[in-house]
């Protein structure tokens, strides 16, 4: 196995690995059962908790 063969192998399988990883992350983010969890997380900075206002 030469350096060229190893480079082609790693580029090809590396690209396929990253595509699968990306599709997994997008699928997780868009899965319907995760909507409530992500909506709650998006609203978290807007919630005012007692005791945090020093004014």
N, C-alpha and C. Protein backbone atom coordinates (compact mmCIF):
# COMPACT_ATOMS: atom_id res chain seq x y z
N UNK A 1 0.85 -1.18 0.00
CA UNK A 1 0.00 0.00 0.00
C UNK A 1 0.90 1.24 0.00
N UNK A 2 0.65 2.10 -0.94
CA UNK A 2 1.44 3.32 -1.05
C UNK A 2 0.75 4.46 -0.31
N UNK A 3 1.46 5.56 -0.24
CA UNK A 3 0.89 6.75 0.40
C UNK A 3 -0.35 7.21 -0.37
N UNK A 4 -0.29 7.15 -1.69
CA UNK A 4 -1.42 7.58 -2.52
C UNK A 4 -2.66 6.72 -2.22
N UNK A 5 -2.48 5.41 -2.13
CA UNK A 5 -3.60 4.52 -1.82
C UNK A 5 -4.20 4.84 -0.45
N UNK A 6 -3.33 5.06 0.51
CA UNK A 6 -3.79 5.39 1.86
C UNK A 6 -4.53 6.74 1.87
N UNK A 7 -4.03 7.72 1.13
CA UNK A 7 -4.67 9.03 1.08
C UNK A 7 -6.05 8.93 0.44
N UNK A 8 -6.18 8.19 -0.64
CA UNK A 8 -7.48 8.03 -1.30
C UNK A 8 -8.45 7.31 -0.37
N UNK A 9 -7.98 6.26 0.29
CA UNK A 9 -8.83 5.50 1.22
C UNK A 9 -9.32 6.40 2.36
N UNK A 10 -8.43 7.15 2.96
CA UNK A 10 -8.82 7.98 4.10
C UNK A 10 -9.73 9.13 3.69
N UNK A 11 -9.50 9.71 2.52
CA UNK A 11 -10.37 10.80 2.06
C UNK A 11 -11.77 10.28 1.77
N UNK A 12 -11.85 9.12 1.12
CA UNK A 12 -13.15 8.56 0.76
C UNK A 12 -13.94 8.17 2.00
N UNK A 13 -13.36 7.37 2.88
CA UNK A 13 -14.08 6.91 4.06
C UNK A 13 -14.27 8.03 5.08
N UNK A 14 -13.35 8.96 5.12
CA UNK A 14 -13.53 10.11 6.00
C UNK A 14 -14.71 10.96 5.59
N UNK A 15 -14.85 11.16 4.27
CA UNK A 15 -15.98 11.94 3.77
C UNK A 15 -17.29 11.21 4.06
N UNK A 16 -17.33 9.91 3.83
CA UNK A 16 -18.54 9.15 4.11
C UNK A 16 -18.88 9.17 5.60
N UNK A 17 -17.88 9.08 6.46
CA UNK A 17 -18.10 9.16 7.90
C UNK A 17 -18.70 10.51 8.28
N UNK A 18 -18.16 11.60 7.73
CA UNK A 18 -18.67 12.93 8.08
C UNK A 18 -20.08 13.15 7.53
N UNK A 19 -20.39 12.58 6.37
CA UNK A 19 -21.75 12.70 5.83
C UNK A 19 -22.73 11.96 6.73
N UNK A 20 -22.37 10.76 7.16
CA UNK A 20 -23.24 9.99 8.07
C UNK A 20 -23.40 10.73 9.40
N UNK A 21 -22.33 11.29 9.91
CA UNK A 21 -22.39 12.05 11.16
C UNK A 21 -23.30 13.27 11.02
N UNK A 22 -23.17 13.99 9.91
CA UNK A 22 -24.02 15.15 9.67
C UNK A 22 -25.48 14.76 9.55
N UNK A 23 -25.77 13.71 8.80
CA UNK A 23 -27.16 13.28 8.65
C UNK A 23 -27.75 12.80 9.97
N UNK A 24 -26.93 12.18 10.80
CA UNK A 24 -27.40 11.76 12.12
C UNK A 24 -27.74 12.97 13.00
N UNK A 25 -26.90 13.98 12.97
CA UNK A 25 -27.15 15.18 13.77
C UNK A 25 -28.40 15.92 13.29
N UNK A 26 -28.58 16.02 11.99
CA UNK A 26 -29.77 16.69 11.45
C UNK A 26 -31.02 15.89 11.78
N UNK A 27 -30.94 14.58 11.65
CA UNK A 27 -32.09 13.73 11.98
C UNK A 27 -32.47 13.88 13.45
N UNK A 28 -31.47 13.91 14.33
CA UNK A 28 -31.74 14.09 15.76
C UNK A 28 -32.39 15.44 16.03
N UNK A 29 -31.89 16.47 15.38
CA UNK A 29 -32.42 17.81 15.61
C UNK A 29 -33.84 17.97 15.08
N UNK A 30 -34.18 17.28 14.01
CA UNK A 30 -35.49 17.44 13.39
C UNK A 30 -36.48 16.35 13.78
N UNK A 31 -36.08 15.42 14.65
CA UNK A 31 -36.97 14.35 15.06
C UNK A 31 -38.13 14.94 15.85
N UNK A 32 -39.37 14.57 15.51
CA UNK A 32 -40.54 15.20 16.15
C UNK A 32 -40.58 15.07 17.67
N UNK A 33 -40.09 13.99 18.23
CA UNK A 33 -40.18 13.83 19.69
C UNK A 33 -39.21 14.74 20.43
N UNK A 34 -38.26 15.37 19.75
CA UNK A 34 -37.31 16.28 20.40
C UNK A 34 -37.77 17.74 20.35
N UNK A 35 -38.91 17.99 19.71
CA UNK A 35 -39.37 19.37 19.54
C UNK A 35 -39.59 20.08 20.87
N UNK A 36 -40.22 19.42 21.82
CA UNK A 36 -40.50 20.04 23.12
C UNK A 36 -39.21 20.36 23.86
N UNK A 37 -38.26 19.45 23.81
CA UNK A 37 -36.99 19.66 24.51
C UNK A 37 -36.24 20.88 23.93
N UNK A 38 -36.21 20.98 22.61
CA UNK A 38 -35.51 22.10 21.98
C UNK A 38 -36.27 23.41 22.14
N UNK A 39 -37.59 23.36 22.17
CA UNK A 39 -38.38 24.57 22.40
C UNK A 39 -38.14 25.10 23.81
N UNK A 40 -38.11 24.21 24.79
CA UNK A 40 -37.81 24.62 26.17
C UNK A 40 -36.41 25.22 26.27
N UNK A 41 -35.45 24.62 25.61
CA UNK A 41 -34.07 25.13 25.65
C UNK A 41 -33.97 26.49 24.97
N UNK A 42 -34.75 26.70 23.92
CA UNK A 42 -34.72 27.99 23.22
C UNK A 42 -35.32 29.11 24.06
N UNK A 43 -36.29 28.78 24.92
CA UNK A 43 -36.94 29.79 25.75
C UNK A 43 -36.23 30.02 27.07
N UNK A 44 -35.26 29.20 27.39
CA UNK A 44 -34.58 29.28 28.69
C UNK A 44 -33.95 30.66 28.97
N UNK A 45 -33.30 31.31 28.02
CA UNK A 45 -32.72 32.63 28.34
C UNK A 45 -33.76 33.71 28.63
N UNK A 46 -34.99 33.47 28.21
CA UNK A 46 -36.04 34.48 28.40
C UNK A 46 -36.76 34.35 29.73
N UNK A 47 -36.57 33.25 30.41
CA UNK A 47 -37.23 33.04 31.70
C UNK A 47 -36.53 33.86 32.78
N UNK A 48 -37.33 34.50 33.60
CA UNK A 48 -36.79 35.30 34.69
C UNK A 48 -36.97 34.52 35.99
N UNK A 49 -35.86 34.15 36.58
CA UNK A 49 -35.93 33.40 37.84
C UNK A 49 -35.85 34.37 39.01
N UNK A 50 -36.48 34.01 40.08
CA UNK A 50 -36.46 34.86 41.27
C UNK A 50 -35.08 34.91 41.86
N UNK A 51 -34.67 36.07 42.33
CA UNK A 51 -33.39 36.20 42.99
C UNK A 51 -32.23 36.55 42.06
N UNK A 52 -32.48 36.59 40.79
CA UNK A 52 -31.38 36.90 39.85
C UNK A 52 -31.31 38.38 39.53
N UNK A 53 -32.37 39.12 39.83
CA UNK A 53 -32.37 40.55 39.54
C UNK A 53 -31.75 41.30 40.70
N UNK A 54 -30.65 41.99 40.45
CA UNK A 54 -29.98 42.76 41.49
C UNK A 54 -30.37 44.23 41.47
N UNK A 55 -31.39 44.57 40.75
CA UNK A 55 -31.79 45.97 40.62
C UNK A 55 -32.60 46.43 41.79
